[in-house]
Amino acid sequence: MDRGKLGDVVVGAAGDVAGSVVDPRAGLGRLRSAVTSRGVTTLTVGALLGYLAARSVRQR
C-alpha cells in the first residue's frame, strides 16, 4: 500500500469512528459491511500470536 493511500485510510477510519459516536446504528452498519471472513481470521490469528508471544516473554 502506498503512503498516500494509507493516509486516506487513516482519515477515513477516523471519520467512521467519529460518525459512529454520533450515530451508533449507522456505524454498526458500516462495521458489519466492512467485516470479511478473511479480516476476522487475520485479526484472530494476530491476537493469538500476540498472546502467545507476550506469555512466553512473561514466563522468562
PDB file of N, CA and C in Angstrom:
ATOM      1  N   MET A   1       0.847  -1.169   0.000  1.00  0.00           N
ATOM      2  CA  MET A   1       0.000   0.000   0.000  1.00  0.00           C
ATOM      3  C   MET A   1       0.891   1.230   0.000  1.00  0.00           C
ATOM      4  N   ASP A   2       0.576   2.162  -0.843  1.00  0.00           N
ATOM      5  CA  ASP A   2       1.390   3.359  -0.931  1.00  0.00           C
ATOM      6  C   ASP A   2       0.988   4.356   0.162  1.00  0.00           C
ATOM      7  N   ARG A   3       1.913   5.219   0.546  1.00  0.00           N
ATOM      8  CA  ARG A   3       1.719   6.102   1.706  1.00  0.00           C
ATOM      9  C   ARG A   3       0.542   7.055   1.532  1.00  0.00           C
ATOM     10  N   GLY A   4       0.283   7.492   0.327  1.00  0.00           N
ATOM     11  CA  GLY A   4      -0.848   8.389   0.082  1.00  0.00           C
ATOM     12  C   GLY A   4      -2.164   7.708   0.392  1.00  0.00           C
ATOM     13  N   LYS A   5      -2.275   6.465  -0.011  1.00  0.00           N
ATOM     14  CA  LYS A   5      -3.497   5.713   0.259  1.00  0.00           C
ATOM     15  C   LYS A   5      -3.618   5.372   1.736  1.00  0.00           C
ATOM     16  N   LEU A   6      -2.499   5.153   2.407  1.00  0.00           N
ATOM     17  CA  LEU A   6      -2.528   4.855   3.834  1.00  0.00           C
ATOM     18  C   LEU A   6      -3.105   6.039   4.607  1.00  0.00           C
ATOM     19  N   GLY A   7      -2.726   7.242   4.238  1.00  0.00           N
ATOM     20  CA  GLY A   7      -3.278   8.435   4.869  1.00  0.00           C
ATOM     21  C   GLY A   7      -4.777   8.540   4.658  1.00  0.00           C
ATOM     22  N   ASP A   8      -5.228   8.212   3.446  1.00  0.00           N
ATOM     23  CA  ASP A   8      -6.663   8.236   3.164  1.00  0.00           C
ATOM     24  C   ASP A   8      -7.410   7.217   4.014  1.00  0.00           C
ATOM     25  N   VAL A   9      -6.815   6.049   4.196  1.00  0.00           N
ATOM     26  CA  VAL A   9      -7.442   5.006   5.007  1.00  0.00           C
ATOM     27  C   VAL A   9      -7.544   5.450   6.458  1.00  0.00           C
ATOM     28  N   VAL A  10      -6.472   6.063   6.982  1.00  0.00           N
ATOM     29  CA  VAL A  10      -6.471   6.519   8.373  1.00  0.00           C
ATOM     30  C   VAL A  10      -7.524   7.606   8.581  1.00  0.00           C
ATOM     31  N   VAL A  11      -7.583   8.567   7.667  1.00  0.00           N
ATOM     32  CA  VAL A  11      -8.564   9.647   7.783  1.00  0.00           C
ATOM     33  C   VAL A  11      -9.979   9.091   7.659  1.00  0.00           C
ATOM     34  N   GLY A  12     -10.180   8.148   6.763  1.00  0.00           N
ATOM     35  CA  GLY A  12     -11.499   7.530   6.619  1.00  0.00           C
ATOM     36  C   GLY A  12     -11.914   6.769   7.862  1.00  0.00           C
ATOM     37  N   ALA A  13     -10.975   6.050   8.452  1.00  0.00           N
ATOM     38  CA  ALA A  13     -11.279   5.300   9.671  1.00  0.00           C
ATOM     39  C   ALA A  13     -11.611   6.246  10.818  1.00  0.00           C
ATOM     40  N   ALA A  14     -10.865   7.347  10.939  1.00  0.00           N
ATOM     41  CA  ALA A  14     -11.152   8.326  11.990  1.00  0.00           C
ATOM     42  C   ALA A  14     -12.531   8.941  11.783  1.00  0.00           C
ATOM     43  N   GLY A  15     -12.887   9.208  10.556  1.00  0.00           N
ATOM     44  CA  GLY A  15     -14.219   9.738  10.255  1.00  0.00           C
ATOM     45  C   GLY A  15     -15.314   8.745  10.599  1.00  0.00           C
ATOM     46  N   ASP A  16     -15.074   7.476  10.307  1.00  0.00           N
ATOM     47  CA  ASP A  16     -16.055   6.436  10.637  1.00  0.00           C
ATOM     48  C   ASP A  16     -16.240   6.308  12.141  1.00  0.00           C
ATOM     49  N   VAL A  17     -15.149   6.411  12.898  1.00  0.00           N
ATOM     50  CA  VAL A  17     -15.241   6.334  14.357  1.00  0.00           C
ATOM     51  C   VAL A  17     -16.035   7.522  14.889  1.00  0.00           C
ATOM     52  N   ALA A  18     -15.740   8.707  14.384  1.00  0.00           N
ATOM     53  CA  ALA A  18     -16.474   9.899  14.832  1.00  0.00           C
ATOM     54  C   ALA A  18     -17.949   9.793  14.462  1.00  0.00           C
ATOM     55  N   GLY A  19     -18.238   9.289  13.286  1.00  0.00           N
ATOM     56  CA  GLY A  19     -19.626   9.107  12.875  1.00  0.00           C
ATOM     57  C   GLY A  19     -20.337   8.066  13.705  1.00  0.00           C
ATOM     58  N   SER A  20     -19.618   7.068  14.141  1.00  0.00           N
ATOM     59  CA  SER A  20     -20.208   6.018  14.979  1.00  0.00           C
ATOM     60  C   SER A  20     -20.599   6.559  16.348  1.00  0.00           C
ATOM     61  N   VAL A  21     -19.849   7.530  16.841  1.00  0.00           N
ATOM     62  CA  VAL A  21     -20.184   8.142  18.131  1.00  0.00           C
ATOM     63  C   VAL A  21     -21.483   8.930  17.996  1.00  0.00           C
ATOM     64  N   VAL A  22     -21.642   9.630  16.886  1.00  0.00           N
ATOM     65  CA  VAL A  22     -22.831  10.442  16.663  1.00  0.00           C
ATOM     66  C   VAL A  22     -24.039   9.568  16.356  1.00  0.00           C
ATOM     67  N   ASP A  23     -23.877   8.574  15.491  1.00  0.00           N
ATOM     68  CA  ASP A  23     -24.980   7.701  15.085  1.00  0.00           C
ATOM     69  C   ASP A  23     -24.528   6.246  15.172  1.00  0.00           C
ATOM     70  N   PRO A  24     -24.700   5.601  16.324  1.00  0.00           N
ATOM     71  CA  PRO A  24     -24.198   4.241  16.513  1.00  0.00           C
ATOM     72  C   PRO A  24     -24.790   3.211  15.549  1.00  0.00           C
ATOM     73  N   ARG A  25     -26.054   3.367  15.175  1.00  0.00           N
ATOM     74  CA  ARG A  25     -26.667   2.394  14.248  1.00  0.00           C
ATOM     75  C   ARG A  25     -25.987   2.416  12.889  1.00  0.00           C
ATOM     76  N   ALA A  26     -25.726   3.599  12.368  1.00  0.00           N
ATOM     77  CA  ALA A  26     -25.051   3.720  11.072  1.00  0.00           C
ATOM     78  C   ALA A  26     -23.625   3.186  11.174  1.00  0.00           C
ATOM     79  N   GLY A  27     -22.950   3.480  12.278  1.00  0.00           N
ATOM     80  CA  GLY A  27     -21.589   2.991  12.472  1.00  0.00           C
ATOM     81  C   GLY A  27     -21.533   1.480  12.525  1.00  0.00           C
ATOM     82  N   LEU A  28     -22.505   0.868  13.216  1.00  0.00           N
ATOM     83  CA  LEU A  28     -22.557  -0.583  13.289  1.00  0.00           C
ATOM     84  C   LEU A  28     -22.836  -1.188  11.922  1.00  0.00           C
ATOM     85  N   GLY A  29     -23.669  -0.526  11.152  1.00  0.00           N
ATOM     86  CA  GLY A  29     -23.937  -0.994   9.781  1.00  0.00           C
ATOM     87  C   GLY A  29     -22.691  -0.954   8.920  1.00  0.00           C
ATOM     88  N   ARG A  30     -21.900   0.111   9.049  1.00  0.00           N
ATOM     89  CA  ARG A  30     -20.641   0.201   8.292  1.00  0.00           C
ATOM     90  C   ARG A  30     -19.659  -0.873   8.721  1.00  0.00           C
ATOM     91  N   LEU A  31     -19.615  -1.119  10.025  1.00  0.00           N
ATOM     92  CA  LEU A  31     -18.713  -2.148  10.543  1.00  0.00           C
ATOM     93  C   LEU A  31     -19.096  -3.520  10.007  1.00  0.00           C
ATOM     94  N   ARG A  32     -20.372  -3.825  10.022  1.00  0.00           N
ATOM     95  CA  ARG A  32     -20.832  -5.120   9.505  1.00  0.00           C
ATOM     96  C   ARG A  32     -20.513  -5.288   8.028  1.00  0.00           C
ATOM     97  N   SER A  33     -20.647  -4.213   7.250  1.00  0.00           N
ATOM     98  CA  SER A  33     -20.372  -4.322   5.818  1.00  0.00           C
ATOM     99  C   SER A  33     -18.870  -4.423   5.550  1.00  0.00           C
ATOM    100  N   ALA A  34     -18.040  -3.894   6.444  1.00  0.00           N
ATOM    101  CA  ALA A  34     -16.590  -3.917   6.232  1.00  0.00           C
ATOM    102  C   ALA A  34     -15.953  -5.213   6.692  1.00  0.00           C
ATOM    103  N   VAL A  35     -16.601  -5.928   7.601  1.00  0.00           N
ATOM    104  CA  VAL A  35     -16.023  -7.146   8.159  1.00  0.00           C
ATOM    105  C   VAL A  35     -16.132  -8.277   7.143  1.00  0.00           C
ATOM    106  N   THR A  36     -15.003  -8.908   6.875  1.00  0.00           N
ATOM    107  CA  THR A  36     -14.980 -10.072   5.988  1.00  0.00           C
ATOM    108  C   THR A  36     -14.412 -11.257   6.769  1.00  0.00           C
ATOM    109  N   SER A  37     -14.654 -12.431   6.269  1.00  0.00           N
ATOM    110  CA  SER A  37     -14.139 -13.619   6.958  1.00  0.00           C
ATOM    111  C   SER A  37     -12.614 -13.608   6.984  1.00  0.00           C
ATOM    112  N   ARG A  38     -11.998 -13.100   5.931  1.00  0.00           N
ATOM    113  CA  ARG A  38     -10.535 -13.029   5.887  1.00  0.00           C
ATOM    114  C   ARG A  38     -10.020 -12.059   6.951  1.00  0.00           C
ATOM    115  N   GLY A  39     -10.686 -10.929   7.103  1.00  0.00           N
ATOM    116  CA  GLY A  39     -10.284  -9.957   8.114  1.00  0.00           C
ATOM    117  C   GLY A  39     -10.436 -10.496   9.523  1.00  0.00           C
ATOM    118  N   VAL A  40     -11.538 -11.195   9.778  1.00  0.00           N
ATOM    119  CA  VAL A  40     -11.765 -11.782  11.099  1.00  0.00           C
ATOM    120  C   VAL A  40     -10.715 -12.845  11.391  1.00  0.00           C
ATOM    121  N   THR A  41     -10.410 -13.655  10.402  1.00  0.00           N
ATOM    122  CA  THR A  41      -9.399 -14.704  10.566  1.00  0.00           C
ATOM    123  C   THR A  41      -8.034 -14.080  10.841  1.00  0.00           C
ATOM    124  N   THR A  42      -7.675 -13.054  10.093  1.00  0.00           N
ATOM    125  CA  THR A  42      -6.396 -12.383  10.285  1.00  0.00           C
ATOM    126  C   THR A  42      -6.308 -11.762  11.676  1.00  0.00           C
ATOM    127  N   LEU A  43      -7.369 -11.105  12.100  1.00  0.00           N
ATOM    128  CA  LEU A  43      -7.393 -10.494  13.426  1.00  0.00           C
ATOM    129  C   LEU A  43      -7.280 -11.542  14.522  1.00  0.00           C
ATOM    130  N   THR A  44      -7.982 -12.659  14.375  1.00  0.00           N
ATOM    131  CA  THR A  44      -7.947 -13.730  15.373  1.00  0.00           C
ATOM    132  C   THR A  44      -6.552 -14.343  15.471  1.00  0.00           C
ATOM    133  N   VAL A  45      -5.952 -14.642  14.337  1.00  0.00           N
ATOM    134  CA  VAL A  45      -4.612 -15.236  14.329  1.00  0.00           C
ATOM    135  C   VAL A  45      -3.598 -14.256  14.919  1.00  0.00           C
ATOM    136  N   GLY A  46      -3.715 -12.975  14.568  1.00  0.00           N
ATOM    137  CA  GLY A  46      -2.803 -11.970  15.111  1.00  0.00           C
ATOM    138  C   GLY A  46      -2.930 -11.839  16.623  1.00  0.00           C
ATOM    139  N   ALA A  47      -4.175 -11.848  17.116  1.00  0.00           N
ATOM    140  CA  ALA A  47      -4.388 -11.757  18.563  1.00  0.00           C
ATOM    141  C   ALA A  47      -3.822 -12.984  19.273  1.00  0.00           C
ATOM    142  N   LEU A  48      -4.010 -14.160  18.691  1.00  0.00           N
ATOM    143  CA  LEU A  48      -3.496 -15.393  19.286  1.00  0.00           C
ATOM    144  C   LEU A  48      -1.971 -15.387  19.316  1.00  0.00           C
ATOM    145  N   LEU A  49      -1.354 -14.985  18.223  1.00  0.00           N
ATOM    146  CA  LEU A  49       0.113 -14.927  18.180  1.00  0.00           C
ATOM    147  C   LEU A  49       0.653 -13.893  19.163  1.00  0.00           C
ATOM    148  N   GLY A  50      -0.010 -12.749  19.272  1.00  0.00           N
ATOM    149  CA  GLY A  50       0.404 -11.731  20.233  1.00  0.00           C
ATOM    150  C   GLY A  50       0.296 -12.233  21.660  1.00  0.00           C
ATOM    151  N   TYR A  51      -0.781 -12.935  21.954  1.00  0.00           N
ATOM    152  CA  TYR A  51      -0.968 -13.504  23.294  1.00  0.00           C
ATOM    153  C   TYR A  51       0.131 -14.509  23.617  1.00  0.00           C
ATOM    154  N   LEU A  52       0.413 -15.399  22.676  1.00  0.00           N
ATOM    155  CA  LEU A  52       1.442 -16.415  22.907  1.00  0.00           C
ATOM    156  C   LEU A  52       2.818 -15.778  23.065  1.00  0.00           C
ATOM    157  N   ALA A  53       3.106 -14.758  22.268  1.00  0.00           N
ATOM    158  CA  ALA A  53       4.411 -14.082  22.376  1.00  0.00           C
ATOM    159  C   ALA A  53       4.536 -13.370  23.722  1.00  0.00           C
ATOM    160  N   ALA A  54       3.492 -12.695  24.142  1.00  0.00           N
ATOM    161  CA  ALA A  54       3.528 -11.993  25.433  1.00  0.00           C
ATOM    162  C   ALA A  54       3.642 -12.986  26.587  1.00  0.00           C
ATOM    163  N   ARG A  55       2.984 -14.103  26.462  1.00  0.00           N
ATOM    164  CA  ARG A  55       3.028 -15.124  27.510  1.00  0.00           C
ATOM    165  C   ARG A  55       4.422 -15.720  27.633  1.00  0.00           C
ATOM    166  N   SER A  56       5.066 -15.970  26.485  1.00  0.00           N
ATOM    167  CA  SER A  56       6.404 -16.574  26.526  1.00  0.00           C
ATOM    168  C   SER A  56       7.423 -15.581  27.087  1.00  0.00           C
ATOM    169  N   VAL A  57       7.278 -14.308  26.804  1.00  0.00           N
ATOM    170  CA  VAL A  57       8.185 -13.298  27.327  1.00  0.00           C
ATOM    171  C   VAL A  57       7.974 -13.142  28.825  1.00  0.00           C
ATOM    172  N   ARG A  58       6.754 -13.190  29.256  1.00  0.00           N
ATOM    173  CA  ARG A  58       6.442 -13.005  30.684  1.00  0.00           C
ATOM    174  C   ARG A  58       6.950 -14.164  31.546  1.00  0.00           C
ATOM    175  N   GLN A  59       6.994 -15.364  30.999  1.00  0.00           N
ATOM    176  CA  GLN A  59       7.403 -16.537  31.753  1.00  0.00           C
ATOM    177  C   GLN A  59       8.909 -16.606  31.959  1.00  0.00           C
ATOM    178  N   ARG A  60       9.669 -15.809  31.265  1.00  0.00           N
ATOM    179  CA  ARG A  60      11.122 -15.857  31.371  1.00  0.00           C
ATOM    180  C   ARG A  60      11.620 -15.308  32.636  1.00  0.00           C
TER     181      ARG A  60
END
